[in-house]
Amino acid sequence: MDHECHPVWREYNFGRIQAGDDVEEVIARTNPKSVDRKGHRVELYYGKGVAAVAYDGKLVLAYAGSCCWARVFFDEMTDAQSVDYLGRRLSDPERFGIVPVYR
């Protein structure tokens, strides 16, 4: 992941940022490349395959990936949030696409 991902992946991978953390504090700490605010949802994009999602001010999902793999650092989305953000239910095995998913 060092070669393919933004360095912030380490913060998520080693649990220094976790589900439930305040999204505004995470934004201040990590300086995402872009922050998209869509109602109750905030999407953080770091570039080079790393992203995080918050609902109602708290992080619920963080992941990294490429065309060949996905690494889910944490995923505490509700079914409704999953459908809203990913367009798929929690039970859908292709929720993150058809690539191998590592947790």
Protein backbone atom coordinates (compact mmCIF):
# COMPACT_ATOMS: atom_id res chain seq x y z
CA MET A 1 0.00 0.00 0.00
CA ASP A 2 2.96 2.33 0.46
CA HIS A 3 3.43 2.49 -3.31
CA GLU A 4 -0.23 2.74 -4.32
CA CYS A 5 -1.89 4.80 -1.58
CA HIS A 6 -1.75 8.19 0.05
CA PRO A 7 0.34 8.06 3.27
CA VAL A 8 -2.77 8.67 5.41
CA TRP A 9 -3.62 4.97 4.97
CA ARG A 10 -1.31 4.29 7.93
CA GLU A 11 -3.48 6.43 10.23
CA TYR A 12 -6.52 4.34 9.35
CA ASN A 13 -4.72 1.01 9.17
CA PHE A 14 -3.10 1.28 12.61
CA GLY A 15 -6.28 2.54 14.30
CA ARG A 16 -5.14 6.08 14.96
CA ILE A 17 -8.37 7.12 13.22
CA GLN A 18 -11.39 4.96 13.99
CA ALA A 19 -15.11 4.65 13.40
CA GLY A 20 -16.96 7.17 15.51
CA ASP A 21 -14.23 9.82 15.37
CA ASP A 22 -15.43 13.37 14.79
CA VAL A 23 -15.18 14.13 11.07
CA GLU A 24 -14.19 17.78 11.55
CA GLU A 25 -11.27 16.75 13.78
CA VAL A 26 -10.18 14.16 11.22
CA ILE A 27 -10.33 16.76 8.45
CA ALA A 28 -8.15 19.12 10.51
CA ARG A 29 -5.64 16.34 11.32
CA THR A 30 -5.35 14.75 7.89
CA ASN A 31 -5.97 17.51 5.34
CA PRO A 32 -7.90 15.48 2.71
CA LYS A 33 -7.47 16.40 -0.94
CA SER A 34 -11.23 17.02 -1.12
CA VAL A 35 -14.16 17.12 1.26
CA ASP A 36 -17.63 16.66 -0.24
CA ARG A 37 -20.58 17.56 1.99
CA LYS A 38 -23.88 16.02 0.93
CA GLY A 39 -26.53 16.61 3.60
CA HIS A 40 -25.84 14.29 6.55
CA ARG A 41 -22.93 12.67 4.68
CA VAL A 42 -19.34 13.92 4.44
CA GLU A 43 -16.91 12.21 2.08
CA LEU A 44 -13.16 12.58 2.54
CA TYR A 45 -10.93 11.84 -0.44
CA TYR A 46 -7.18 11.75 -0.06
CA GLY A 47 -6.27 10.76 -3.61
CA LYS A 48 -4.30 7.66 -4.51
CA GLY A 49 -7.12 5.34 -3.46
CA VAL A 50 -7.96 6.33 0.14
CA ALA A 51 -11.36 7.59 1.26
CA ALA A 52 -13.51 7.89 4.38
CA VAL A 53 -17.19 8.61 4.96
CA ALA A 54 -19.02 10.17 7.89
CA TYR A 55 -22.69 10.49 8.69
CA ASP A 56 -24.01 13.00 11.20
CA GLY A 57 -20.47 14.10 12.03
CA LYS A 58 -19.00 10.68 12.86
CA LEU A 59 -16.82 8.44 10.69
CA VAL A 60 -18.50 5.19 9.67
CA LEU A 61 -16.35 3.90 6.78
CA ALA A 62 -12.72 4.13 5.69
CA TYR A 63 -11.11 2.19 2.89
CA ALA A 64 -8.34 2.11 0.33
CA GLY A 65 -8.34 0.41 -3.02
CA SER A 66 -7.42 0.14 -6.62
CA CYS A 67 -8.82 -1.67 -9.62
CA CYS A 68 -7.60 -4.98 -8.20
CA TRP A 69 -8.24 -4.87 -4.44
CA ALA A 70 -9.98 -3.05 -1.59
CA ARG A 71 -8.82 -2.73 2.02
CA VAL A 72 -11.61 -1.83 4.43
CA PHE A 73 -10.14 -0.25 7.57
CA PHE A 74 -13.51 -0.03 9.28
CA ASP A 75 -17.13 -0.29 8.21
CA GLU A 76 -19.90 0.56 10.64
CA MET A 77 -22.43 1.78 8.11
CA THR A 78 -26.10 1.06 8.53
CA ASP A 79 -27.88 -0.62 5.66
CA ALA A 80 -29.48 2.70 4.70
CA GLN A 81 -26.09 4.46 4.69
CA SER A 82 -24.59 1.71 2.53
CA VAL A 83 -27.37 2.08 -0.03
CA ASP A 84 -27.03 5.87 0.08
CA TYR A 85 -23.24 5.91 -0.41
CA LEU A 86 -22.39 2.70 -2.27
CA GLY A 87 -25.74 1.99 -3.89
CA ARG A 88 -25.74 -1.53 -2.36
CA ARG A 89 -27.05 -3.19 0.77
CA LEU A 90 -24.69 -4.45 3.48
CA SER A 91 -25.51 -8.02 2.51
CA ASP A 92 -24.44 -7.54 -1.13
CA PRO A 93 -21.17 -9.45 -1.70
CA GLU A 94 -20.25 -6.98 -4.46
CA ARG A 95 -20.73 -3.94 -2.26
CA PHE A 96 -17.13 -2.82 -2.90
CA GLY A 97 -17.07 -4.18 -6.44
CA ILE A 98 -15.81 -7.51 -7.64
CA VAL A 99 -12.26 -7.13 -6.31
CA PRO A 100 -10.94 -9.06 -3.30
CA VAL A 101 -11.81 -7.22 -0.09
CA TYR A 102 -9.38 -7.32 2.83
CA ARG A 103 -10.43 -6.38 6.34
